[in-house]
């Protein structure tokens, strides 16, 4: 066994490393019976951490309120 094979990494450390850089998950699932495609699912996901330096793209930005005269 090499040093790399014996190295143990905690799940929390692995998730921290992955989320710090971001992870792209892609996949295809097809349910087929008798060579007939019944259901097809395509998965494309980007998983990343969000903090002050990398804000969420889903933040709601409201326009300034209109002044009432």
PDB file of N, CA and C in Angstrom:
ATOM      1  N   UNK A   1       0.829  -1.193   0.000  1.00  0.00           N
ATOM      2  CA  UNK A   1       0.000   0.000   0.000  1.00  0.00           C
ATOM      3  C   UNK A   1       0.871   1.254   0.000  1.00  0.00           C
ATOM      4  N   UNK A   2       0.473   2.221  -0.793  1.00  0.00           N
ATOM      5  CA  UNK A   2       1.192   3.485  -0.805  1.00  0.00           C
ATOM      6  C   UNK A   2       0.586   4.413   0.241  1.00  0.00           C
ATOM      7  N   UNK A   3       1.249   5.525   0.447  1.00  0.00           N
ATOM      8  CA  UNK A   3       0.761   6.500   1.427  1.00  0.00           C
ATOM      9  C   UNK A   3      -0.598   7.034   1.016  1.00  0.00           C
ATOM     10  N   UNK A   4      -0.821   7.234  -0.275  1.00  0.00           N
ATOM     11  CA  UNK A   4      -2.089   7.772  -0.765  1.00  0.00           C
ATOM     12  C   UNK A   4      -3.230   6.796  -0.497  1.00  0.00           C
ATOM     13  N   UNK A   5      -2.988   5.505  -0.640  1.00  0.00           N
ATOM     14  CA  UNK A   5      -4.040   4.509  -0.427  1.00  0.00           C
ATOM     15  C   UNK A   5      -4.422   4.411   1.045  1.00  0.00           C
ATOM     16  N   UNK A   6      -3.484   4.652   1.958  1.00  0.00           N
ATOM     17  CA  UNK A   6      -3.776   4.526   3.385  1.00  0.00           C
ATOM     18  C   UNK A   6      -4.325   5.811   3.985  1.00  0.00           C
ATOM     19  N   UNK A   7      -4.298   6.883   3.256  1.00  0.00           N
ATOM     20  CA  UNK A   7      -4.728   8.175   3.793  1.00  0.00           C
ATOM     21  C   UNK A   7      -6.238   8.185   3.980  1.00  0.00           C
ATOM     22  N   UNK A   8      -6.670   8.559   5.164  1.00  0.00           N
ATOM     23  CA  UNK A   8      -8.097   8.656   5.463  1.00  0.00           C
ATOM     24  C   UNK A   8      -8.490  10.129   5.521  1.00  0.00           C
ATOM     25  N   UNK A   9      -9.584  10.453   4.870  1.00  0.00           N
ATOM     26  CA  UNK A   9     -10.083  11.823   4.857  1.00  0.00           C
ATOM     27  C   UNK A   9     -11.503  11.797   5.416  1.00  0.00           C
ATOM     28  N   UNK A  10     -11.770  12.665   6.368  1.00  0.00           N
ATOM     29  CA  UNK A  10     -13.110  12.754   6.941  1.00  0.00           C
ATOM     30  C   UNK A  10     -14.067  13.308   5.895  1.00  0.00           C
ATOM     31  N   UNK A  11     -15.308  12.889   5.963  1.00  0.00           N
ATOM     32  CA  UNK A  11     -16.319  13.339   5.008  1.00  0.00           C
ATOM     33  C   UNK A  11     -16.481  14.857   5.045  1.00  0.00           C
ATOM     34  N   UNK A  12     -16.390  15.435   6.218  1.00  0.00           N
ATOM     35  CA  UNK A  12     -16.527  16.888   6.350  1.00  0.00           C
ATOM     36  C   UNK A  12     -15.392  17.594   5.612  1.00  0.00           C
ATOM     37  N   UNK A  13     -14.175  17.079   5.723  1.00  0.00           N
ATOM     38  CA  UNK A  13     -13.043  17.680   5.021  1.00  0.00           C
ATOM     39  C   UNK A  13     -13.193  17.552   3.513  1.00  0.00           C
ATOM     40  N   UNK A  14     -13.673  16.415   3.064  1.00  0.00           N
ATOM     41  CA  UNK A  14     -13.886  16.209   1.629  1.00  0.00           C
ATOM     42  C   UNK A  14     -14.938  17.167   1.088  1.00  0.00           C
ATOM     43  N   UNK A  15     -16.060  17.313   1.795  1.00  0.00           N
ATOM     44  CA  UNK A  15     -17.112  18.245   1.368  1.00  0.00           C
ATOM     45  C   UNK A  15     -16.604  19.684   1.378  1.00  0.00           C
ATOM     46  N   UNK A  16     -15.805  20.030   2.375  1.00  0.00           N
ATOM     47  CA  UNK A  16     -15.256  21.386   2.449  1.00  0.00           C
ATOM     48  C   UNK A  16     -14.370  21.678   1.242  1.00  0.00           C
ATOM     49  N   UNK A  17     -13.541  20.733   0.859  1.00  0.00           N
ATOM     50  CA  UNK A  17     -12.672  20.923  -0.308  1.00  0.00           C
ATOM     51  C   UNK A  17     -13.476  21.019  -1.595  1.00  0.00           C
ATOM     52  N   UNK A  18     -14.486  20.182  -1.733  1.00  0.00           N
ATOM     53  CA  UNK A  18     -15.291  20.201  -2.949  1.00  0.00           C
ATOM     54  C   UNK A  18     -16.094  21.487  -3.079  1.00  0.00           C
ATOM     55  N   UNK A  19     -16.721  21.916  -1.978  1.00  0.00           N
ATOM     56  CA  UNK A  19     -17.557  23.112  -2.035  1.00  0.00           C
ATOM     57  C   UNK A  19     -16.738  24.384  -2.168  1.00  0.00           C
ATOM     58  N   UNK A  20     -15.507  24.381  -1.677  1.00  0.00           N
ATOM     59  CA  UNK A  20     -14.669  25.571  -1.793  1.00  0.00           C
ATOM     60  C   UNK A  20     -14.374  25.885  -3.257  1.00  0.00           C
ATOM     61  N   UNK A  21     -14.200  24.866  -4.065  1.00  0.00           N
ATOM     62  CA  UNK A  21     -13.919  25.077  -5.481  1.00  0.00           C
ATOM     63  C   UNK A  21     -15.137  24.928  -6.357  1.00  0.00           C
ATOM     64  N   UNK A  22     -16.164  24.288  -5.881  1.00  0.00           N
ATOM     65  CA  UNK A  22     -17.363  24.039  -6.664  1.00  0.00           C
ATOM     66  C   UNK A  22     -17.316  22.672  -7.323  1.00  0.00           C
ATOM     67  N   UNK A  23     -18.478  22.098  -7.523  1.00  0.00           N
ATOM     68  CA  UNK A  23     -18.590  20.767  -8.107  1.00  0.00           C
ATOM     69  C   UNK A  23     -19.673  20.811  -9.173  1.00  0.00           C
ATOM     70  N   UNK A  24     -19.401  20.207 -10.319  1.00  0.00           N
ATOM     71  CA  UNK A  24     -20.402  20.070 -11.365  1.00  0.00           C
ATOM     72  C   UNK A  24     -20.790  18.601 -11.440  1.00  0.00           C
ATOM     73  N   UNK A  25     -22.095  18.333 -11.323  1.00  0.00           N
ATOM     74  CA  UNK A  25     -22.612  16.963 -11.384  1.00  0.00           C
ATOM     75  C   UNK A  25     -23.462  16.843 -12.638  1.00  0.00           C
ATOM     76  N   UNK A  26     -23.153  15.867 -13.470  1.00  0.00           N
ATOM     77  CA  UNK A  26     -23.950  15.619 -14.664  1.00  0.00           C
ATOM     78  C   UNK A  26     -24.255  14.137 -14.752  1.00  0.00           C
ATOM     79  N   UNK A  27     -25.388  13.819 -15.340  1.00  0.00           N
ATOM     80  CA  UNK A  27     -25.738  12.416 -15.502  1.00  0.00           C
ATOM     81  C   UNK A  27     -26.984  12.244 -16.343  1.00  0.00           C
ATOM     82  N   UNK A  28     -27.162  11.051 -16.847  1.00  0.00           N
ATOM     83  CA  UNK A  28     -28.332  10.684 -17.645  1.00  0.00           C
ATOM     84  C   UNK A  28     -28.876   9.359 -17.124  1.00  0.00           C
ATOM     85  N   UNK A  29     -30.190   9.288 -16.981  1.00  0.00           N
ATOM     86  CA  UNK A  29     -30.855   8.045 -16.594  1.00  0.00           C
ATOM     87  C   UNK A  29     -31.958   7.787 -17.600  1.00  0.00           C
ATOM     88  N   UNK A  30     -31.985   6.583 -18.131  1.00  0.00           N
ATOM     89  CA  UNK A  30     -33.027   6.211 -19.087  1.00  0.00           C
ATOM     90  C   UNK A  30     -33.664   4.911 -18.641  1.00  0.00           C
ATOM     91  N   UNK A  31     -35.002   4.924 -18.510  1.00  0.00           N
ATOM     92  CA  UNK A  31     -35.753   3.710 -18.200  1.00  0.00           C
ATOM     93  C   UNK A  31     -36.261   3.148 -19.520  1.00  0.00           C
ATOM     94  N   UNK A  32     -35.793   1.965 -19.860  1.00  0.00           N
ATOM     95  CA  UNK A  32     -36.094   1.374 -21.159  1.00  0.00           C
ATOM     96  C   UNK A  32     -36.657  -0.033 -20.955  1.00  0.00           C
ATOM     97  N   UNK A  33     -37.745  -0.321 -21.642  1.00  0.00           N
ATOM     98  CA  UNK A  33     -38.343  -1.663 -21.649  1.00  0.00           C
ATOM     99  C   UNK A  33     -38.532  -2.089 -23.092  1.00  0.00           C
ATOM    100  N   UNK A  34     -37.998  -3.248 -23.449  1.00  0.00           N
ATOM    101  CA  UNK A  34     -38.106  -3.804 -24.803  1.00  0.00           C
ATOM    102  C   UNK A  34     -37.628  -2.803 -25.848  1.00  0.00           C
ATOM    103  N   UNK A  35     -36.472  -2.197 -25.601  1.00  0.00           N
ATOM    104  CA  UNK A  35     -35.869  -1.217 -26.506  1.00  0.00           C
ATOM    105  C   UNK A  35     -36.752  -0.006 -26.784  1.00  0.00           C
ATOM    106  N   UNK A  36     -37.634   0.318 -25.836  1.00  0.00           N
ATOM    107  CA  UNK A  36     -38.474   1.508 -25.944  1.00  0.00           C
ATOM    108  C   UNK A  36     -38.153   2.402 -24.742  1.00  0.00           C
ATOM    109  N   UNK A  37     -37.667   3.625 -25.023  1.00  0.00           N
ATOM    110  CA  UNK A  37     -37.364   4.561 -23.947  1.00  0.00           C
ATOM    111  C   UNK A  37     -38.667   5.082 -23.353  1.00  0.00           C
ATOM    112  N   UNK A  38     -38.868   4.805 -22.051  1.00  0.00           N
ATOM    113  CA  UNK A  38     -40.088   5.274 -21.388  1.00  0.00           C
ATOM    114  C   UNK A  38     -39.853   6.580 -20.634  1.00  0.00           C
ATOM    115  N   UNK A  39     -38.739   6.671 -19.932  1.00  0.00           N
ATOM    116  CA  UNK A  39     -38.444   7.860 -19.135  1.00  0.00           C
ATOM    117  C   UNK A  39     -36.974   8.198 -19.323  1.00  0.00           C
ATOM    118  N   UNK A  40     -36.694   9.471 -19.548  1.00  0.00           N
ATOM    119  CA  UNK A  40     -35.313   9.928 -19.631  1.00  0.00           C
ATOM    120  C   UNK A  40     -35.142  11.136 -18.727  1.00  0.00           C
ATOM    121  N   UNK A  41     -34.126  11.091 -17.887  1.00  0.00           N
ATOM    122  CA  UNK A  41     -33.845  12.179 -16.956  1.00  0.00           C
ATOM    123  C   UNK A  41     -32.417  12.651 -17.201  1.00  0.00           C
ATOM    124  N   UNK A  42     -32.245  13.939 -17.452  1.00  0.00           N
ATOM    125  CA  UNK A  42     -30.925  14.554 -17.590  1.00  0.00           C
ATOM    126  C   UNK A  42     -30.675  15.411 -16.357  1.00  0.00           C
ATOM    127  N   UNK A  43     -29.517  15.245 -15.753  1.00  0.00           N
ATOM    128  CA  UNK A  43     -29.176  15.994 -14.553  1.00  0.00           C
ATOM    129  C   UNK A  43     -27.946  16.846 -14.824  1.00  0.00           C
ATOM    130  N   UNK A  44     -28.071  18.138 -14.568  1.00  0.00           N
ATOM    131  CA  UNK A  44     -26.946  19.074 -14.632  1.00  0.00           C
ATOM    132  C   UNK A  44     -27.061  19.958 -13.397  1.00  0.00           C
ATOM    133  N   UNK A  45     -26.064  19.888 -12.518  1.00  0.00           N
ATOM    134  CA  UNK A  45     -26.121  20.666 -11.288  1.00  0.00           C
ATOM    135  C   UNK A  45     -24.754  21.264 -10.980  1.00  0.00           C
ATOM    136  N   UNK A  46     -24.764  22.478 -10.474  1.00  0.00           N
ATOM    137  CA  UNK A  46     -23.555  23.136  -9.997  1.00  0.00           C
ATOM    138  C   UNK A  46     -23.725  23.348  -8.509  1.00  0.00           C
ATOM    139  N   UNK A  47     -22.807  22.800  -7.729  1.00  0.00           N
ATOM    140  CA  UNK A  47     -22.882  22.900  -6.275  1.00  0.00           C
ATOM    141  C   UNK A  47     -21.662  23.679  -5.812  1.00  0.00           C
ATOM    142  N   UNK A  48     -21.901  24.769  -5.086  1.00  0.00           N
ATOM    143  CA  UNK A  48     -20.799  25.612  -4.632  1.00  0.00           C
ATOM    144  C   UNK A  48     -21.203  26.287  -3.333  1.00  0.00           C
ATOM    145  N   UNK A  49     -20.199  26.680  -2.566  1.00  0.00           N
ATOM    146  CA  UNK A  49     -20.494  27.409  -1.335  1.00  0.00           C
ATOM    147  C   UNK A  49     -20.744  28.878  -1.668  1.00  0.00           C
ATOM    148  N   UNK A  50     -21.436  29.557  -0.773  1.00  0.00           N
ATOM    149  CA  UNK A  50     -21.750  30.979  -0.957  1.00  0.00           C
ATOM    150  C   UNK A  50     -21.292  31.720   0.296  1.00  0.00           C
ATOM    151  N   UNK A  51     -20.549  32.809   0.095  1.00  0.00           N
ATOM    152  CA  UNK A  51     -20.140  33.647   1.218  1.00  0.00           C
ATOM    153  C   UNK A  51     -20.087  35.096   0.758  1.00  0.00           C
ATOM    154  N   UNK A  52     -19.461  35.966   1.552  1.00  0.00           N
ATOM    155  CA  UNK A  52     -19.452  37.386   1.212  1.00  0.00           C
ATOM    156  C   UNK A  52     -18.723  37.654  -0.099  1.00  0.00           C
ATOM    157  N   UNK A  53     -17.641  36.927  -0.353  1.00  0.00           N
ATOM    158  CA  UNK A  53     -16.877  37.185  -1.575  1.00  0.00           C
ATOM    159  C   UNK A  53     -17.533  36.560  -2.805  1.00  0.00           C
ATOM    160  N   UNK A  54     -18.378  35.546  -2.598  1.00  0.00           N
ATOM    161  CA  UNK A  54     -19.109  34.910  -3.700  1.00  0.00           C
ATOM    162  C   UNK A  54     -20.591  34.917  -3.320  1.00  0.00           C
ATOM    163  N   UNK A  55     -21.312  35.992  -3.625  1.00  0.00           N
ATOM    164  CA  UNK A  55     -22.716  36.081  -3.196  1.00  0.00           C
ATOM    165  C   UNK A  55     -23.613  35.118  -3.957  1.00  0.00           C
ATOM    166  N   UNK A  56     -24.755  34.848  -3.390  1.00  0.00           N
ATOM    167  CA  UNK A  56     -25.738  33.964  -4.013  1.00  0.00           C
ATOM    168  C   UNK A  56     -26.309  34.615  -5.271  1.00  0.00           C
ATOM    169  N   UNK A  57     -26.442  33.850  -6.357  1.00  0.00           N
ATOM    170  CA  UNK A  57     -27.048  34.427  -7.567  1.00  0.00           C
ATOM    171  C   UNK A  57     -28.560  34.569  -7.441  1.00  0.00           C
ATOM    172  N   UNK A  58     -29.129  34.038  -6.356  1.00  0.00           N
ATOM    173  CA  UNK A  58     -30.574  34.044  -6.191  1.00  0.00           C
ATOM    174  C   UNK A  58     -31.058  35.113  -5.234  1.00  0.00           C
ATOM    175  N   UNK A  59     -30.163  36.023  -4.805  1.00  0.00           N
ATOM    176  CA  UNK A  59     -30.587  37.098  -3.921  1.00  0.00           C
ATOM    177  C   UNK A  59     -31.576  37.991  -4.639  1.00  0.00           C
ATOM    178  N   UNK A  60     -32.607  38.359  -3.934  1.00  0.00           N
ATOM    179  CA  UNK A  60     -33.634  39.229  -4.492  1.00  0.00           C
ATOM    180  C   UNK A  60     -33.185  40.676  -4.358  1.00  0.00           C
ATOM    181  N   UNK A  61     -33.048  41.345  -5.481  1.00  0.00           N
ATOM    182  CA  UNK A  61     -32.652  42.754  -5.479  1.00  0.00           C
ATOM    183  C   UNK A  61     -33.884  43.568  -5.840  1.00  0.00           C
ATOM    184  N   UNK A  62     -34.358  44.352  -4.888  1.00  0.00           N
ATOM    185  CA  UNK A  62     -35.536  45.173  -5.099  1.00  0.00           C
ATOM    186  C   UNK A  62     -35.133  46.559  -5.572  1.00  0.00           C
ATOM    187  N   UNK A  63     -35.929  47.125  -6.483  1.00  0.00           N
ATOM    188  CA  UNK A  63     -35.637  48.506  -6.909  1.00  0.00           C
ATOM    189  C   UNK A  63     -35.966  49.449  -5.756  1.00  0.00           C
ATOM    190  N   UNK A  64     -35.368  50.646  -5.783  1.00  0.00           N
ATOM    191  CA  UNK A  64     -35.665  51.591  -4.711  1.00  0.00           C
ATOM    192  C   UNK A  64     -37.155  51.969  -4.740  1.00  0.00           C
ATOM    193  N   UNK A  65     -37.749  52.199  -3.569  1.00  0.00           N
ATOM    194  CA  UNK A  65     -39.173  52.541  -3.546  1.00  0.00           C
ATOM    195  C   UNK A  65     -39.430  53.877  -4.238  1.00  0.00           C
ATOM    196  N   UNK A  66     -40.557  53.958  -4.884  1.00  0.00           N
ATOM    197  CA  UNK A  66     -40.931  55.197  -5.577  1.00  0.00           C
ATOM    198  C   UNK A  66     -41.364  56.235  -4.552  1.00  0.00           C
ATOM    199  N   UNK A  67     -40.981  57.470  -4.803  1.00  0.00           N
ATOM    200  CA  UNK A  67     -41.350  58.532  -3.873  1.00  0.00           C
ATOM    201  C   UNK A  67     -42.801  58.949  -4.135  1.00  0.00           C
ATOM    202  N   UNK A  68     -43.533  59.108  -3.035  1.00  0.00           N
ATOM    203  CA  UNK A  68     -44.928  59.563  -3.135  1.00  0.00           C
ATOM    204  C   UNK A  68     -44.936  61.065  -2.891  1.00  0.00           C
ATOM    205  N   UNK A  69     -45.557  61.812  -3.812  1.00  0.00           N
ATOM    206  CA  UNK A  69     -45.563  63.271  -3.717  1.00  0.00           C
ATOM    207  C   UNK A  69     -46.826  63.741  -3.062  1.00  0.00           C
TER     208      UNK A  69
END
